[in-house]
Amino acid sequence: MSSPSQLRCYMNLMALDSLPPDSAGPQGTFEERLQLLAKAGFTGVQFAKQGTPEELAICRAHGFGIAAGGRINAPSEADPFAEQIAGSGYECATLHVGWGLEDDDQAHRLIESILAASSRYRIPLYIETHRATICQDMWRTVHFVRRFPEMRFNGDFSHWYTGQEMVYGGFEKKFAFIRPVLERVRFLHGRIANPGCIQIPVERDATPQPPYVQHFQQLWTASFKGFLRSAQPEDYICFTPELLAGGIYYARTFGNKEESDRWEQSLILKEIAERCFTCAQSSSS
């Protein structure tokens, strides 16, 4: 099994899609990619689509944790999804929930179905802060938490940072408003955005870092603090880089070439998250 550390760094396998040949990132067979991930300090992976039995067996053989990803569009889909991934040995799953067009009653029934399925099959199901879902909006998501305080989240804050332009009107004001969500984050998708672009490269040694990098450090540190305040010794939180390819309009491209190496950027984000976790531990002790 994966490391007992309360911070576990997994890699979302979609981040390895379409890496250019000159990237130092994991390529080759599935097992060869896992070996390089392990050398880089990752202790698990997240599958965007459910892994094959062979892939899951390789993960277990290498002591890698496994997380799933999925989408729930109707309450009737929650139980079958939870039953399937729990039966396959996944530790948890992150979920895109609804399309963002649901009224409150429809959204509440989706949330209720996910909470019930998570409890029934004893598997954490983390609802994601993502565009085109019921949690695409900060205000509405905070109100969901007030009604369903047992909700737990996958924080992909790039969608809010750019999509709702968190700096416009005051980042600190919005940061304070979403604290009920930050308290309930148990999985983080590692991506940094600026007010105009959802995925941008970060310089490892920039001093000082741009304001948007500092803002994400605040968001991640607050999420870690929220976890640590209620964590039991066996509990953990996942940080998972999810830097996606230019072909699906995440990585910026210039002349058909992505502006940065997503593998190298994933390592930088991992280093930032580890520093944020250390900071959260220090301030929580």
Protein backbone atom coordinates (compact mmCIF):
# COMPACT_ATOMS: atom_id res chain seq x y z
CA MET A 1 0.00 0.00 0.00
CA SER A 2 0.95 3.64 -0.32
CA SER A 3 2.94 5.62 2.23
CA PRO A 4 1.29 6.25 5.63
CA SER A 5 2.24 9.93 5.41
CA GLN A 6 -0.72 12.23 5.97
CA LEU A 7 0.18 14.02 2.72
CA ARG A 8 0.22 11.60 -0.19
CA CYS A 9 1.33 12.82 -3.60
CA TYR A 10 -0.35 10.95 -6.42
CA MET A 11 -0.12 11.59 -10.16
CA ASN A 12 -3.19 11.99 -12.30
CA LEU A 13 -2.44 9.80 -15.30
CA MET A 14 -4.09 12.27 -17.68
CA ALA A 15 -1.16 14.58 -16.92
CA LEU A 16 1.10 12.11 -18.73
CA ASP A 17 -0.99 12.09 -21.92
CA SER A 18 0.75 13.33 -25.06
CA LEU A 19 4.04 14.20 -23.40
CA PRO A 20 6.50 15.23 -26.14
CA PRO A 21 9.39 12.85 -26.89
CA ASP A 22 11.91 15.28 -25.38
CA SER A 23 10.11 15.36 -22.03
CA ALA A 24 11.87 13.67 -19.12
CA GLY A 25 8.47 12.50 -17.91
CA PRO A 26 7.32 8.88 -17.55
CA GLN A 27 6.93 7.08 -20.85
CA GLY A 28 7.11 3.45 -21.95
CA THR A 29 5.03 0.69 -20.44
CA PHE A 30 2.63 1.28 -17.58
CA GLU A 31 5.03 -0.41 -15.16
CA GLU A 32 7.99 1.63 -16.41
CA ARG A 33 6.02 4.82 -15.87
CA LEU A 34 5.16 3.77 -12.32
CA GLN A 35 8.81 3.13 -11.58
CA LEU A 36 9.75 6.67 -12.62
CA LEU A 37 6.86 8.10 -10.62
CA ALA A 38 8.12 6.25 -7.55
CA LYS A 39 11.63 7.64 -8.05
CA ALA A 40 10.14 11.14 -8.16
CA GLY A 41 8.41 10.61 -4.80
CA PHE A 42 4.87 9.82 -5.90
CA THR A 43 3.12 7.09 -3.94
CA GLY A 44 -0.02 6.60 -6.01
CA VAL A 45 -1.91 7.40 -9.19
CA GLN A 46 -5.33 8.64 -10.14
CA PHE A 47 -7.05 7.05 -13.10
CA ALA A 48 -9.26 9.31 -15.21
CA LYS A 49 -10.87 6.18 -16.61
CA GLN A 50 -10.91 3.06 -14.51
CA GLY A 51 -7.73 1.04 -14.81
CA THR A 52 -7.58 -2.40 -16.29
CA PRO A 53 -7.21 -5.37 -13.92
CA GLU A 54 -3.58 -5.67 -15.09
CA GLU A 55 -2.86 -2.00 -14.32
CA LEU A 56 -4.44 -2.23 -10.89
CA ALA A 57 -2.41 -5.37 -10.16
CA ILE A 58 0.81 -3.57 -11.15
CA CYS A 59 -0.08 -0.67 -8.83
CA ARG A 60 -0.59 -3.06 -5.93
CA ALA A 61 2.63 -4.92 -6.70
CA HIS A 62 4.54 -1.62 -6.47
CA GLY A 63 2.72 -0.47 -3.32
CA PHE A 64 0.99 2.35 -5.19
CA GLY A 65 -2.27 3.86 -3.97
CA ILE A 66 -5.07 4.13 -6.50
CA ALA A 67 -7.72 6.81 -6.82
CA ALA A 68 -10.52 6.98 -9.36
CA GLY A 69 -12.25 9.83 -11.16
CA GLY A 70 -15.78 9.97 -12.46
CA ARG A 71 -18.92 11.92 -13.25
CA ILE A 72 -22.36 11.65 -11.63
CA ASN A 73 -25.16 13.25 -13.64
CA ALA A 74 -28.16 11.65 -11.93
CA PRO A 75 -28.80 10.37 -8.39
CA SER A 76 -29.29 6.85 -9.73
CA GLU A 77 -25.66 6.76 -10.91
CA ALA A 78 -24.03 7.25 -7.51
CA ASP A 79 -24.62 3.79 -6.02
CA PRO A 80 -23.41 1.75 -9.03
CA PHE A 81 -20.30 3.92 -9.33
CA ALA A 82 -19.41 3.61 -5.65
CA GLU A 83 -20.05 -0.12 -5.65
CA GLN A 84 -17.84 -0.65 -8.70
CA ILE A 85 -14.83 1.33 -7.54
CA ALA A 86 -15.02 0.02 -3.98
CA GLY A 87 -15.14 -3.52 -5.34
CA SER A 88 -12.11 -2.85 -7.53
CA GLY A 89 -10.00 -1.70 -4.59
CA TYR A 90 -9.84 2.04 -5.21
CA GLU A 91 -9.19 4.16 -2.12
CA CYS A 92 -11.36 7.11 -3.13
CA ALA A 93 -12.73 8.99 -6.12
CA THR A 94 -13.11 12.58 -7.27
CA LEU A 95 -16.37 13.46 -8.98
CA HIS A 96 -17.69 15.98 -11.46
CA VAL A 97 -21.31 16.30 -10.33
CA GLY A 98 -24.06 17.56 -12.62
CA TRP A 99 -23.66 20.07 -15.45
CA GLY A 100 -24.21 23.26 -13.46
CA LEU A 101 -27.72 23.81 -14.83
CA GLU A 102 -29.50 22.02 -11.99
CA ASP A 103 -31.88 23.89 -9.71
CA ASP A 104 -31.34 23.63 -5.95
CA ASP A 105 -33.64 20.65 -5.50
CA GLN A 106 -31.91 18.71 -8.28
CA ALA A 107 -28.46 19.61 -6.91
CA HIS A 108 -29.45 18.60 -3.39
CA ARG A 109 -30.67 15.19 -4.58
CA LEU A 110 -27.34 14.65 -6.37
CA ILE A 111 -25.41 15.51 -3.21
CA GLU A 112 -27.63 13.30 -1.06
CA SER A 113 -27.12 10.34 -3.40
CA ILE A 114 -23.33 10.73 -3.32
CA LEU A 115 -23.18 11.05 0.46
CA ALA A 116 -25.38 7.97 0.84
CA ALA A 117 -23.32 5.91 -1.64
CA SER A 118 -20.07 6.96 0.05
CA SER A 119 -21.41 5.83 3.42
CA ARG A 120 -22.96 2.61 2.10
CA TYR A 121 -19.81 1.40 0.34
CA ARG A 122 -17.37 3.00 2.78
CA ILE A 123 -15.42 4.83 0.12
CA PRO A 124 -14.67 8.59 0.11
CA LEU A 125 -16.30 10.40 -2.82
CA TYR A 126 -14.91 13.90 -3.20
CA ILE A 127 -17.06 16.39 -5.09
CA GLU A 128 -14.92 18.59 -7.30
CA THR A 129 -14.85 22.38 -7.58
CA HIS A 130 -15.00 22.31 -11.38
CA ARG A 131 -16.55 24.22 -14.25
CA ALA A 132 -19.75 22.79 -15.75
CA THR A 133 -20.77 21.14 -12.46
CA ILE A 134 -23.00 22.02 -9.52
CA CYS A 135 -19.87 23.34 -7.72
CA GLN A 136 -18.74 25.71 -10.45
CA ASP A 137 -19.82 28.67 -8.29
CA MET A 138 -18.24 29.70 -4.97
CA TRP A 139 -21.41 31.21 -3.49
CA ARG A 140 -23.56 28.19 -4.27
CA THR A 141 -20.96 25.70 -3.08
CA VAL A 142 -20.67 27.43 0.30
CA HIS A 143 -24.45 27.24 0.64
CA PHE A 144 -24.34 23.52 -0.21
CA VAL A 145 -21.92 23.07 2.70
CA ARG A 146 -24.28 24.87 5.06
CA ARG A 147 -27.00 22.37 4.17
CA PHE A 148 -24.68 19.33 3.91
CA PRO A 149 -21.74 19.89 6.30
CA GLU A 150 -20.58 16.29 5.72
CA MET A 151 -19.60 17.13 2.12
CA ARG A 152 -15.92 16.61 1.30
CA PHE A 153 -14.19 18.10 -1.71
CA ASN A 154 -11.56 17.72 -4.34
CA GLY A 155 -10.22 21.26 -4.58
CA ASP A 156 -9.39 22.16 -8.16
CA PHE A 157 -9.28 25.86 -7.47
CA SER A 158 -8.02 26.87 -10.91
CA HIS A 159 -11.65 26.72 -12.09
CA TRP A 160 -12.76 29.27 -9.51
CA TYR A 161 -9.61 31.38 -9.71
CA THR A 162 -9.98 31.98 -13.46
CA GLY A 163 -13.66 31.22 -14.07
CA GLN A 164 -14.84 33.51 -11.27
CA GLU A 165 -11.76 35.76 -11.38
CA MET A 166 -11.06 35.55 -7.67
CA VAL A 167 -8.81 38.62 -7.67
CA TYR A 168 -11.56 40.84 -9.11
CA GLY A 169 -13.32 42.34 -6.11
CA GLY A 170 -10.63 41.20 -3.69
CA PHE A 171 -8.98 37.80 -3.35
CA GLU A 172 -8.84 37.97 0.46
CA LYS A 173 -12.57 38.63 0.69
CA LYS A 174 -13.36 35.60 -1.47
CA PHE A 175 -10.74 33.49 0.27
CA ALA A 176 -12.47 34.18 3.60
CA PHE A 177 -15.88 33.41 2.12
CA ILE A 178 -14.89 29.92 0.88
CA ARG A 179 -13.32 28.82 4.17
CA PRO A 180 -16.16 26.33 4.81
CA VAL A 181 -15.11 24.59 1.58
CA LEU A 182 -11.39 24.77 2.35
CA GLU A 183 -12.06 23.12 5.73
CA ARG A 184 -13.52 20.12 3.89
CA VAL A 185 -10.93 19.54 1.16
CA ARG A 186 -9.43 16.05 1.27
CA PHE A 187 -8.03 15.84 -2.27
CA LEU A 188 -6.33 18.53 -4.35
CA HIS A 189 -5.78 18.69 -8.07
CA GLY A 190 -2.47 20.45 -8.57
CA ARG A 191 -2.78 23.21 -11.12
CA ILE A 192 -2.08 26.92 -10.85
CA ALA A 193 -4.04 29.50 -12.81
CA ASN A 194 -3.89 33.23 -13.26
CA PRO A 195 -6.93 35.50 -13.73
CA GLY A 196 -6.99 34.87 -17.50
CA CYS A 197 -5.68 31.34 -18.04
CA ILE A 198 -6.55 28.15 -16.21
CA GLN A 199 -3.12 26.46 -16.49
CA ILE A 200 0.12 28.38 -16.50
CA PRO A 201 3.77 27.42 -15.88
CA VAL A 202 5.51 28.28 -12.62
CA GLU A 203 9.17 29.15 -12.17
CA ARG A 204 10.78 27.10 -9.41
CA ASP A 205 13.08 29.81 -8.07
CA ALA A 206 11.17 33.02 -8.82
CA THR A 207 11.57 35.55 -5.99
CA PRO A 208 9.03 36.72 -5.24
CA GLN A 209 6.54 34.43 -6.88
CA PRO A 210 3.74 36.16 -8.84
CA PRO A 211 0.61 37.02 -6.84
CA TYR A 212 -1.39 34.16 -8.35
CA VAL A 213 1.19 31.59 -7.20
CA GLN A 214 1.06 33.08 -3.71
CA HIS A 215 -2.74 32.86 -3.80
CA PHE A 216 -2.63 29.15 -4.61
CA GLN A 217 -0.16 28.63 -1.79
CA GLN A 218 -2.75 30.22 0.51
CA LEU A 219 -5.53 28.01 -0.85
CA TRP A 220 -3.49 24.81 -0.52
CA THR A 221 -2.15 25.70 2.94
CA ALA A 222 -5.64 26.51 4.21
CA SER A 223 -6.90 23.19 2.81
CA PHE A 224 -4.12 21.32 4.60
CA LYS A 225 -4.87 23.17 7.84
CA GLY A 226 -8.53 22.24 7.56
CA PHE A 227 -7.58 18.60 7.10
CA LEU A 228 -5.10 18.61 10.00
CA ARG A 229 -7.59 20.14 12.43
CA SER A 230 -9.79 17.04 12.27
CA ALA A 231 -7.36 14.35 11.06
CA GLN A 232 -6.88 11.06 12.84
CA PRO A 233 -3.44 9.35 12.63
CA GLU A 234 -4.65 7.07 9.82
CA ASP A 235 -6.19 9.88 7.76
CA TYR A 236 -4.49 11.42 4.73
CA ILE A 237 -5.00 14.08 2.09
CA CYS A 238 -3.96 13.65 -1.55
CA PHE A 239 -2.17 16.22 -3.68
CA THR A 240 -2.34 15.19 -7.33
CA PRO A 241 -0.87 17.22 -10.21
CA GLU A 242 -3.34 17.36 -13.08
CA LEU A 243 -1.63 19.38 -15.80
CA LEU A 244 -3.49 18.58 -19.00
CA ALA A 245 -2.46 18.64 -22.64
CA GLY A 246 -2.89 21.41 -25.16
CA GLY A 247 -5.14 19.19 -27.25
CA ILE A 248 -7.95 19.71 -24.72
CA TYR A 249 -7.18 23.42 -24.35
CA TYR A 250 -5.47 23.41 -20.95
CA ALA A 251 -1.74 23.78 -21.70
CA ARG A 252 -1.09 26.86 -23.79
CA THR A 253 0.54 26.10 -27.13
CA PHE A 254 2.66 28.25 -29.40
CA GLY A 255 3.37 26.93 -32.87
CA ASN A 256 1.85 23.56 -31.89
CA LYS A 257 4.32 23.29 -29.00
CA GLU A 258 3.30 23.44 -25.36
CA GLU A 259 4.98 26.31 -23.56
CA SER A 260 6.35 24.14 -20.74
CA ASP A 261 7.14 20.52 -19.85
CA ARG A 262 4.11 19.31 -17.89
CA TRP A 263 6.23 16.69 -16.12
CA GLU A 264 8.75 19.23 -14.85
CA GLN A 265 5.89 21.52 -13.88
CA SER A 266 4.23 18.66 -11.97
CA LEU A 267 7.38 18.25 -9.90
CA ILE A 268 7.44 21.97 -9.13
CA LEU A 269 3.80 21.88 -8.00
CA LYS A 270 4.56 18.86 -5.81
CA GLU A 271 7.42 20.77 -4.15
CA ILE A 272 5.16 23.77 -3.52
CA ALA A 273 2.45 21.55 -2.01
CA GLU A 274 4.94 19.82 0.27
CA ARG A 275 6.14 23.20 1.56
CA CYS A 276 2.53 24.27 2.10
CA PHE A 277 1.85 21.09 4.07
CA THR A 278 4.92 21.67 6.26
CA CYS A 279 3.71 25.23 6.89
CA ALA A 280 0.25 23.94 7.79
CA GLN A 281 1.74 21.42 10.20
CA SER A 282 3.85 24.09 11.89
CA SER A 283 0.92 26.44 12.40
CA SER A 284 -1.34 23.60 13.61
CA SER A 285 1.07 22.23 16.22
